[in-house]
Amino acid sequence: MTLLNPINFIDFYRQFYFENDIDDDTMHSFGVPSGLNTTNAKAEEWIEEHRINKGVFDMFALAWKAGRIDWDDGHIVYKDFVDGSNCKNGLGYKIDIRSFNEYCEFLNRIDVDSYDFKSLYEMLWPQSPVNIGPVYIIASLFFRSKGRFPIYDQFVHKAVRSLALGIAPADVYMGTPPDKKYVGDVVCMYNEYITLLVRAFPDHINRSGGPFIPRELDQALWIYGHCTRRWDEIKQ
């Protein structure tokens, strides 16, 4: 592939999100760690079309969030995800599949457009299985709301915090995410991310329904959140 120069934030960092042939030395020269470009574009396209755009959160959506899907012979498949009556989150901790499906059924009965984030989170966390923490609960809202509630993890948060502080994402201290039962802490964490996101990318915010930000920005932020060099240090 042709390497895009660091002119546009989204276009530049997003290119490292998908499987590509950019060599490690080139990635390192821009402060991008190697090993991030593992996302299959076809699998990502399937998830967007059949899960995000349709407001569906299920096992495939969970596997995607956990980094445990792949594309094989024209089909999306699990990758080291199901283990008997359990599946695995991104850290390999077991999630009871029956309990997870019950959580999804509960979520699907909620009209997510009728509530704010705090109200939804208060409803959902007591229903969530063991090893489904706040990041995964937010992911379930992201899917169910078709992107109206932005997806979240420490790396997208690091990305916008680094832009606000003027330091490299790798130098941003985040600490451990709060336990899911501490609703106020989770809401504060998420609201800070949203506030910094709006401040950094005001022209990409959608307040009229539909996805809050484009998927392309999600992808770019996730890559940038891993980086060891500042955007303003490399941009042309």
Protein backbone atom coordinates (compact mmCIF):
# COMPACT_ATOMS: atom_id res chain seq x y z
CA MET A 1 0.00 0.00 0.00
CA THR A 2 1.03 3.62 -0.48
CA LEU A 3 1.90 5.26 2.83
CA LEU A 4 -0.09 8.43 3.47
CA ASN A 5 1.94 11.32 4.86
CA PRO A 6 0.98 12.85 8.24
CA ILE A 7 -1.17 15.69 6.89
CA ASN A 8 -4.67 14.69 8.03
CA PHE A 9 -5.00 13.13 11.51
CA ILE A 10 -7.76 10.68 10.65
CA ASP A 11 -6.39 9.51 7.31
CA PHE A 12 -2.85 9.16 8.63
CA TYR A 13 -3.50 7.12 11.78
CA ARG A 14 -6.38 5.09 10.36
CA GLN A 15 -4.10 3.52 7.76
CA PHE A 16 -2.29 1.66 10.56
CA TYR A 17 -5.53 0.16 11.89
CA PHE A 18 -5.96 -2.44 9.16
CA GLU A 19 -3.76 -5.28 7.96
CA ASN A 20 -1.10 -3.75 5.71
CA ASP A 21 2.47 -4.11 4.51
CA ILE A 22 3.90 -1.00 6.20
CA ASP A 23 7.21 -2.08 7.70
CA ASP A 24 7.97 -1.78 11.41
CA ASP A 25 10.77 0.76 10.93
CA THR A 26 8.40 3.14 9.14
CA MET A 27 5.75 2.72 11.83
CA HIS A 28 8.29 3.31 14.59
CA SER A 29 9.55 6.47 12.89
CA PHE A 30 6.09 7.96 13.43
CA GLY A 31 5.82 6.61 16.97
CA VAL A 32 3.34 3.89 15.99
CA PRO A 33 4.05 0.58 17.75
CA SER A 34 4.24 -2.51 15.57
CA GLY A 35 1.58 -5.18 15.89
CA LEU A 36 -1.43 -2.87 15.83
CA ASN A 37 -2.30 -3.45 12.18
CA THR A 38 -4.13 -6.75 12.70
CA THR A 39 -7.69 -5.77 11.78
CA ASN A 40 -9.10 -7.45 8.69
CA ALA A 41 -10.90 -4.85 6.59
CA LYS A 42 -13.58 -7.33 5.45
CA ALA A 43 -14.35 -8.36 9.03
CA GLU A 44 -14.55 -4.70 10.08
CA GLU A 45 -16.87 -3.95 7.16
CA TRP A 46 -19.13 -6.87 8.16
CA ILE A 47 -19.31 -5.70 11.78
CA GLU A 48 -20.21 -2.17 10.70
CA GLU A 49 -22.88 -3.29 8.23
CA HIS A 50 -24.48 -6.14 10.17
CA ARG A 51 -24.03 -5.12 13.80
CA ILE A 52 -23.27 -1.41 14.34
CA ASN A 53 -25.59 -0.07 11.64
CA LYS A 54 -28.38 -2.44 12.72
CA GLY A 55 -28.08 -1.76 16.44
CA VAL A 56 -27.24 -5.37 17.32
CA PHE A 57 -25.06 -6.43 20.24
CA ASP A 58 -24.40 -10.16 20.40
CA MET A 59 -21.59 -12.72 20.48
CA PHE A 60 -20.04 -11.46 17.24
CA ALA A 61 -20.07 -7.88 18.53
CA LEU A 62 -18.46 -9.02 21.78
CA ALA A 63 -15.82 -11.04 19.90
CA TRP A 64 -15.00 -7.98 17.79
CA LYS A 65 -14.59 -5.81 20.88
CA ALA A 66 -12.36 -8.47 22.41
CA GLY A 67 -10.18 -8.59 19.27
CA ARG A 68 -11.27 -12.17 18.63
CA ILE A 69 -12.74 -12.20 15.13
CA ASP A 70 -11.24 -12.93 11.74
CA TRP A 71 -12.28 -13.33 8.12
CA ASP A 72 -12.10 -16.75 6.49
CA ASP A 73 -13.31 -17.77 3.03
CA GLY A 74 -15.79 -14.91 2.82
CA HIS A 75 -17.18 -15.32 6.32
CA ILE A 76 -16.63 -13.74 9.70
CA VAL A 77 -15.34 -16.26 12.24
CA TYR A 78 -14.39 -16.37 15.90
CA LYS A 79 -10.68 -16.41 16.78
CA ASP A 80 -9.85 -18.15 20.06
CA PHE A 81 -13.13 -16.91 21.51
CA VAL A 82 -15.47 -19.75 22.51
CA ASP A 83 -14.38 -22.25 25.16
CA GLY A 84 -17.18 -24.69 25.97
CA SER A 85 -19.94 -22.84 27.81
CA ASN A 86 -17.78 -19.72 28.06
CA CYS A 87 -16.30 -17.10 25.77
CA LYS A 88 -13.34 -14.82 26.44
CA ASN A 89 -12.92 -11.09 26.80
CA GLY A 90 -9.87 -9.30 25.45
CA LEU A 91 -7.72 -10.30 28.43
CA GLY A 92 -8.74 -13.95 28.18
CA TYR A 93 -11.06 -13.95 31.20
CA LYS A 94 -14.08 -16.22 30.87
CA ILE A 95 -17.62 -14.95 30.33
CA ASP A 96 -20.53 -17.32 30.79
CA ILE A 97 -22.32 -17.47 27.43
CA ARG A 98 -25.78 -18.06 28.90
CA SER A 99 -25.41 -15.07 31.22
CA PHE A 100 -24.12 -12.97 28.34
CA ASN A 101 -27.09 -13.86 26.14
CA GLU A 102 -29.46 -12.95 28.98
CA TYR A 103 -27.70 -9.58 29.24
CA CYS A 104 -28.18 -9.03 25.50
CA GLU A 105 -31.88 -9.90 25.77
CA PHE A 106 -32.26 -7.38 28.60
CA LEU A 107 -30.42 -4.71 26.59
CA ASN A 108 -32.56 -5.35 23.51
CA ARG A 109 -35.74 -4.65 25.48
CA ILE A 110 -34.56 -1.12 26.31
CA ASP A 111 -35.34 1.84 24.08
CA VAL A 112 -31.84 3.31 24.33
CA ASP A 113 -32.87 6.50 22.54
CA SER A 114 -35.14 7.39 25.47
CA TYR A 115 -32.41 7.58 28.12
CA ASP A 116 -29.14 9.32 28.83
CA PHE A 117 -25.89 7.47 29.44
CA LYS A 118 -26.07 7.49 33.24
CA SER A 119 -29.61 6.12 33.31
CA LEU A 120 -28.75 3.36 30.86
CA TYR A 121 -25.59 2.40 32.68
CA GLU A 122 -27.47 2.20 35.99
CA MET A 123 -29.88 -0.25 34.36
CA LEU A 124 -27.24 -2.35 32.66
CA TRP A 125 -24.39 -2.91 35.05
CA PRO A 126 -26.35 -5.07 37.55
CA GLN A 127 -27.39 -7.32 34.64
CA SER A 128 -23.90 -7.72 33.20
CA PRO A 129 -22.03 -11.03 33.57
CA VAL A 130 -18.79 -11.52 35.44
CA ASN A 131 -15.84 -10.19 33.41
CA ILE A 132 -18.03 -7.77 31.47
CA GLY A 133 -16.72 -4.49 32.87
CA PRO A 134 -17.58 -0.85 32.17
CA VAL A 135 -15.67 -0.74 28.87
CA TYR A 136 -17.72 -3.66 27.53
CA ILE A 137 -20.98 -2.25 28.89
CA ILE A 138 -20.22 0.98 27.02
CA ALA A 139 -19.45 -1.10 23.92
CA SER A 140 -22.87 -2.74 24.20
CA LEU A 141 -24.46 0.72 24.24
CA PHE A 142 -22.36 1.75 21.26
CA PHE A 143 -23.73 -1.14 19.22
CA ARG A 144 -27.30 -0.93 20.47
CA SER A 145 -27.47 2.84 19.85
CA LYS A 146 -25.91 2.52 16.37
CA GLY A 147 -23.02 4.68 17.50
CA ARG A 148 -24.97 7.42 19.27
CA PHE A 149 -22.97 6.55 22.39
CA PRO A 150 -19.31 6.50 21.25
CA ILE A 151 -17.30 3.38 21.93
CA TYR A 152 -14.69 3.68 24.65
CA ASP A 153 -11.43 2.23 25.88
CA GLN A 154 -8.31 3.60 27.54
CA PHE A 155 -6.57 4.15 24.20
CA VAL A 156 -9.16 6.49 22.65
CA HIS A 157 -9.27 8.30 26.01
CA LYS A 158 -5.47 8.53 26.04
CA ALA A 159 -5.59 9.93 22.51
CA VAL A 160 -7.88 12.87 23.27
CA ARG A 161 -6.26 13.53 26.65
CA SER A 162 -2.84 13.69 24.98
CA LEU A 163 -4.15 16.19 22.43
CA ALA A 164 -5.49 18.34 25.27
CA LEU A 165 -2.27 18.14 27.32
CA GLY A 166 0.19 18.42 24.43
CA ILE A 167 2.09 15.26 25.37
CA ALA A 168 2.57 11.90 23.68
CA PRO A 169 -0.19 9.35 24.32
CA ALA A 170 2.36 6.95 25.78
CA ASP A 171 3.10 9.56 28.48
CA VAL A 172 -0.54 9.98 29.51
CA TYR A 173 -1.41 8.37 32.84
CA MET A 174 -4.83 6.76 32.90
CA GLY A 175 -4.89 4.50 35.93
CA THR A 176 -7.14 1.48 36.30
CA PRO A 177 -10.74 1.74 35.01
CA PRO A 178 -13.26 1.86 37.86
CA ASP A 179 -15.15 -1.21 38.95
CA LYS A 180 -18.44 -1.35 37.08
CA LYS A 181 -20.50 -0.92 40.24
CA TYR A 182 -19.06 2.56 40.85
CA VAL A 183 -21.52 4.32 38.57
CA GLY A 184 -20.37 7.86 39.36
CA ASP A 185 -16.76 7.04 38.53
CA VAL A 186 -17.71 5.35 35.26
CA VAL A 187 -19.92 8.29 34.24
CA CYS A 188 -17.11 10.74 35.09
CA MET A 189 -14.61 8.71 33.06
CA TYR A 190 -16.90 8.56 30.04
CA ASN A 191 -17.97 12.20 30.26
CA GLU A 192 -14.35 13.34 30.36
CA TYR A 193 -13.68 11.37 27.20
CA ILE A 194 -16.70 12.90 25.45
CA THR A 195 -15.73 16.42 26.56
CA LEU A 196 -12.16 16.06 25.28
CA LEU A 197 -13.38 14.39 22.09
CA VAL A 198 -15.71 17.30 21.31
CA ARG A 199 -12.96 19.80 22.08
CA ALA A 200 -10.42 18.07 19.84
CA PHE A 201 -12.72 17.31 16.88
CA PRO A 202 -15.66 19.74 16.93
CA ASP A 203 -16.23 19.46 13.18
CA HIS A 204 -16.73 15.69 13.38
CA ILE A 205 -19.41 15.64 16.08
CA ASN A 206 -22.93 14.63 15.06
CA ARG A 207 -25.67 15.81 17.42
CA SER A 208 -28.60 15.25 15.07
CA GLY A 209 -29.00 11.50 15.45
CA GLY A 210 -26.91 8.63 14.16
CA PRO A 211 -23.28 7.94 15.06
CA PHE A 212 -21.77 10.56 17.38
CA ILE A 213 -18.48 10.43 15.45
CA PRO A 214 -17.43 8.65 12.25
CA ARG A 215 -15.94 5.17 12.56
CA GLU A 216 -12.85 6.50 10.77
CA LEU A 217 -12.18 8.81 13.73
CA ASP A 218 -12.70 5.94 16.20
CA GLN A 219 -10.10 3.91 14.35
CA ALA A 220 -7.59 6.75 14.12
CA LEU A 221 -7.94 7.58 17.82
CA TRP A 222 -7.39 3.97 18.84
CA ILE A 223 -4.11 3.85 16.93
CA TYR A 224 -2.98 7.27 18.16
CA GLY A 225 -3.70 6.26 21.74
CA HIS A 226 -0.86 3.72 21.50
CA CYS A 227 1.69 6.14 20.01
CA THR A 228 4.97 7.35 21.47
CA ARG A 229 5.15 10.60 19.47
CA ARG A 230 2.79 13.59 19.46
CA TRP A 231 0.72 14.37 16.39
CA ASP A 232 1.99 17.97 16.29
CA GLU A 233 5.53 16.58 16.35
CA ILE A 234 5.17 14.67 13.09
CA LYS A 235 2.41 16.38 11.12
CA GLN A 236 3.37 18.21 7.94
